[in-house]
Amino acid sequence: MRQQRVLTRRQPTTSRTDCAPGVVVARMPSGMPPWLTPDSVSLVIENRYFGEAIRHRLTMLHMISTRVIGVGEYHISNEQDGVINARYLSTAAMKSGGAIGVGRARGDTSNGFPGDYRAQYFDAAGDLTGDLDLRIQRSGASYRLTWRHRRQNVSLPAAVGEVIFEGIGFPSGDRSMAVSYWMTEQVSAAIERRPLL
């Protein structure tokens, strides 16, 4: 059985122990945020270090605290050069029947997904819901996505060029990608503070 790394509060140096394959048990040291008590135990995937586990937990909490969270599927078009077709579902859509929206990003797909695109998104009724600048960057075997504000989005409390959505994705096929996205905390907070008209 593969030996795994164990971090404990009483043992500043690393010790090793046998545990379930693919699992590392890490005990949190003191001085962590309130939701990470000194005696709490986290299970993290094999080959993940302690710091990465904490950063992952913080990222998940950040995602949950934002206003819009969604999932999507992106597919590089077989019919049109430089086009990525999208289907997406947001938490807002789930509150009104769970209708799936669609989108289209135009740019250069000659190197696959990475690149800069102009992306337009539509709800299930065909109404435009977003006109954004999308950047897709490779991150190992995965992708990092950012959507920036365009002048056309007059309803958003954000400056032109400001990042309003962030996301991550992974390949789900030769020309497709599964995506999760969320609104940035700054824009979410600005929407919450905006007075009702």
Protein backbone atom coordinates (compact mmCIF):
# COMPACT_ATOMS: atom_id res chain seq x y z
CA MET A 1 0.00 0.00 0.00
CA ARG A 2 1.32 3.47 -0.85
CA GLN A 3 2.64 5.47 2.08
CA GLN A 4 0.86 8.80 2.63
CA ARG A 5 1.85 12.14 4.18
CA VAL A 6 0.34 12.95 7.60
CA LEU A 7 0.49 16.38 9.25
CA THR A 8 -0.40 16.62 12.95
CA ARG A 9 -0.51 19.44 15.44
CA ARG A 10 1.84 17.71 17.88
CA GLN A 11 4.31 16.56 15.24
CA PRO A 12 5.80 19.45 13.26
CA THR A 13 7.81 17.01 11.20
CA THR A 14 6.09 14.76 8.74
CA SER A 15 5.35 11.19 9.70
CA ARG A 16 3.93 8.47 7.50
CA THR A 17 1.17 5.96 8.00
CA ASP A 18 -0.88 3.50 5.99
CA CYS A 19 -4.35 4.68 5.02
CA ALA A 20 -6.89 4.14 2.27
CA PRO A 21 -5.39 4.28 -1.24
CA GLY A 22 -5.61 7.72 -2.77
CA VAL A 23 -6.35 9.49 0.52
CA VAL A 24 -4.18 11.72 2.68
CA VAL A 25 -5.23 12.58 6.23
CA ALA A 26 -4.12 16.06 7.31
CA ARG A 27 -4.66 17.47 10.82
CA MET A 28 -5.00 21.25 10.89
CA PRO A 29 -2.53 23.21 13.06
CA SER A 30 -3.68 25.97 15.42
CA GLY A 31 -4.06 29.51 14.12
CA MET A 32 -6.35 28.56 11.25
CA PRO A 33 -9.62 30.40 10.47
CA PRO A 34 -12.63 29.61 12.73
CA TRP A 35 -14.06 27.06 10.31
CA LEU A 36 -10.74 25.17 10.42
CA THR A 37 -10.47 24.15 14.08
CA PRO A 38 -7.14 22.80 15.32
CA ASP A 39 -8.60 19.35 15.86
CA SER A 40 -10.52 19.09 12.59
CA VAL A 41 -9.42 16.53 10.06
CA SER A 42 -9.60 16.99 6.31
CA LEU A 43 -9.38 14.27 3.71
CA VAL A 44 -7.65 15.42 0.57
CA ILE A 45 -6.83 13.66 -2.67
CA GLU A 46 -3.52 11.84 -3.04
CA ASN A 47 -0.50 14.00 -3.93
CA ARG A 48 -2.23 17.18 -2.67
CA TYR A 49 -0.23 19.11 -0.10
CA PHE A 50 -1.68 20.68 3.01
CA GLY A 51 -1.51 24.27 1.72
CA GLU A 52 -3.26 23.30 -1.51
CA ALA A 53 -6.08 21.70 0.47
CA ILE A 54 -6.63 24.91 2.44
CA ARG A 55 -6.55 27.04 -0.71
CA HIS A 56 -9.06 24.69 -2.34
CA ARG A 57 -11.37 25.00 0.67
CA LEU A 58 -11.09 28.81 0.55
CA THR A 59 -11.86 28.81 -3.16
CA MET A 60 -14.99 26.73 -2.63
CA LEU A 61 -16.19 29.06 0.13
CA HIS A 62 -15.53 32.04 -2.14
CA MET A 63 -17.62 30.44 -4.88
CA ILE A 64 -20.52 29.78 -2.56
CA SER A 65 -20.58 33.38 -1.27
CA THR A 66 -21.06 34.90 -4.73
CA ARG A 67 -24.32 35.86 -6.39
CA VAL A 68 -24.38 33.70 -9.53
CA ILE A 69 -23.06 30.18 -9.76
CA GLY A 70 -23.52 27.99 -12.79
CA VAL A 71 -22.35 25.09 -14.89
CA GLY A 72 -21.91 24.81 -18.60
CA GLU A 73 -20.72 22.73 -21.51
CA TYR A 74 -18.56 24.24 -24.25
CA HIS A 75 -18.04 22.60 -27.63
CA ILE A 76 -15.78 23.73 -30.48
CA SER A 77 -17.99 23.85 -33.56
CA ASN A 78 -17.44 21.30 -36.32
CA GLU A 79 -19.35 23.46 -38.80
CA GLN A 80 -17.90 26.94 -38.22
CA ASP A 81 -14.27 27.94 -37.76
CA GLY A 82 -13.48 29.97 -34.66
CA VAL A 83 -16.78 29.26 -32.91
CA ILE A 84 -17.44 27.69 -29.52
CA ASN A 85 -21.05 26.75 -28.80
CA ALA A 86 -22.19 26.72 -25.19
CA ARG A 87 -25.03 25.45 -23.03
CA TYR A 88 -25.29 26.73 -19.48
CA LEU A 89 -27.41 26.55 -16.35
CA SER A 90 -27.25 29.09 -13.52
CA THR A 91 -28.66 29.15 -10.01
CA ALA A 92 -30.96 31.97 -11.14
CA ALA A 93 -32.38 29.72 -13.88
CA MET A 94 -32.97 26.95 -11.33
CA LYS A 95 -35.24 29.32 -9.39
CA SER A 96 -37.40 29.78 -12.48
CA GLY A 97 -37.80 26.27 -13.85
CA GLY A 98 -34.22 25.23 -14.61
CA ALA A 99 -34.23 26.25 -18.27
CA ILE A 100 -30.93 25.80 -20.10
CA GLY A 101 -29.45 28.81 -21.87
CA VAL A 102 -27.17 28.84 -24.89
CA GLY A 103 -24.18 30.85 -25.98
CA ARG A 104 -21.67 31.40 -28.74
CA ALA A 105 -18.07 32.55 -28.48
CA ARG A 106 -16.15 33.77 -31.53
CA GLY A 107 -12.37 33.85 -31.74
CA ASP A 108 -9.49 31.62 -32.82
CA THR A 109 -9.93 27.91 -32.04
CA SER A 110 -7.00 26.72 -34.15
CA ASN A 111 -5.16 25.78 -30.93
CA GLY A 112 -8.22 24.40 -29.18
CA PHE A 113 -9.97 26.26 -26.38
CA PRO A 114 -7.22 28.63 -25.14
CA GLY A 115 -7.61 32.15 -26.49
CA ASP A 116 -9.66 35.35 -26.40
CA TYR A 117 -13.29 35.41 -27.53
CA ARG A 118 -16.33 37.62 -27.71
CA ALA A 119 -19.06 35.58 -26.04
CA GLN A 120 -22.80 36.17 -26.18
CA TYR A 121 -25.27 34.25 -24.04
CA PHE A 122 -29.04 33.84 -24.37
CA ASP A 123 -31.71 32.51 -22.05
CA ALA A 124 -34.17 29.77 -22.99
CA ALA A 125 -36.52 32.37 -24.51
CA GLY A 126 -33.74 33.62 -26.81
CA ASP A 127 -33.18 36.92 -25.00
CA LEU A 128 -29.61 38.19 -24.71
CA THR A 129 -28.35 37.78 -21.15
CA GLY A 130 -24.67 38.59 -21.58
CA ASP A 131 -22.18 40.06 -24.05
CA LEU A 132 -18.72 39.50 -22.62
CA ASP A 133 -15.03 39.19 -23.43
CA LEU A 134 -14.01 35.63 -22.59
CA ARG A 135 -10.45 34.47 -22.01
CA ILE A 136 -9.66 30.76 -21.72
CA GLN A 137 -6.24 29.80 -20.36
CA ARG A 138 -4.76 26.35 -19.99
CA SER A 139 -3.89 25.29 -16.45
CA GLY A 140 -2.24 21.88 -16.60
CA ALA A 141 -4.84 19.44 -17.86
CA SER A 142 -7.61 21.92 -17.01
CA TYR A 143 -8.69 25.44 -17.96
CA ARG A 144 -9.19 28.77 -16.23
CA LEU A 145 -11.86 31.10 -17.63
CA THR A 146 -12.50 34.80 -17.06
CA TRP A 147 -15.31 36.92 -18.48
CA ARG A 148 -14.82 40.69 -18.68
CA HIS A 149 -17.43 43.41 -18.79
CA ARG A 150 -18.26 45.00 -22.16
CA ARG A 151 -19.95 48.32 -22.74
CA GLN A 152 -23.09 46.47 -23.90
CA ASN A 153 -23.82 45.23 -20.35
CA VAL A 154 -25.28 48.48 -19.06
CA SER A 155 -27.16 46.75 -16.24
CA LEU A 156 -24.03 45.52 -14.45
CA PRO A 157 -22.36 47.69 -11.78
CA ALA A 158 -18.87 47.15 -13.21
CA ALA A 159 -16.32 49.07 -15.24
CA VAL A 160 -15.66 48.14 -18.85
CA GLY A 161 -12.90 45.52 -18.86
CA GLU A 162 -13.51 44.46 -15.26
CA VAL A 163 -13.65 40.70 -14.60
CA ILE A 164 -17.23 39.86 -13.65
CA PHE A 165 -17.22 36.06 -13.89
CA GLU A 166 -14.53 33.47 -13.21
CA GLY A 167 -14.59 29.78 -13.91
CA ILE A 168 -12.77 26.50 -14.21
CA GLY A 169 -13.18 23.71 -16.71
CA PHE A 170 -11.86 20.35 -17.82
CA PRO A 171 -12.01 18.45 -21.13
CA SER A 172 -15.07 16.23 -21.45
CA GLY A 173 -14.26 15.12 -25.00
CA ASP A 174 -11.95 15.84 -27.92
CA ARG A 175 -13.65 19.18 -28.63
CA SER A 176 -15.73 19.77 -25.51
CA MET A 177 -15.26 21.10 -22.00
CA ALA A 178 -17.30 21.01 -18.79
CA VAL A 179 -17.33 24.37 -16.99
CA SER A 180 -18.25 25.75 -13.58
CA TYR A 181 -18.45 29.52 -13.16
CA TRP A 182 -19.30 32.16 -10.57
CA MET A 183 -19.71 35.92 -10.35
CA THR A 184 -16.77 37.72 -8.75
CA GLU A 185 -17.23 38.73 -5.14
CA GLN A 186 -16.74 42.43 -5.95
CA VAL A 187 -19.52 42.53 -8.55
CA SER A 188 -21.79 40.41 -6.34
CA ALA A 189 -21.32 42.85 -3.48
CA ALA A 190 -21.97 45.83 -5.76
CA ILE A 191 -25.26 44.28 -6.91
CA GLU A 192 -26.31 43.65 -3.31
CA ARG A 193 -25.59 47.30 -2.39
CA ARG A 194 -27.35 48.78 -5.42
CA PRO A 195 -30.67 50.44 -4.50
CA LEU A 196 -33.84 48.95 -5.93
CA LEU A 197 -35.43 51.03 -8.70
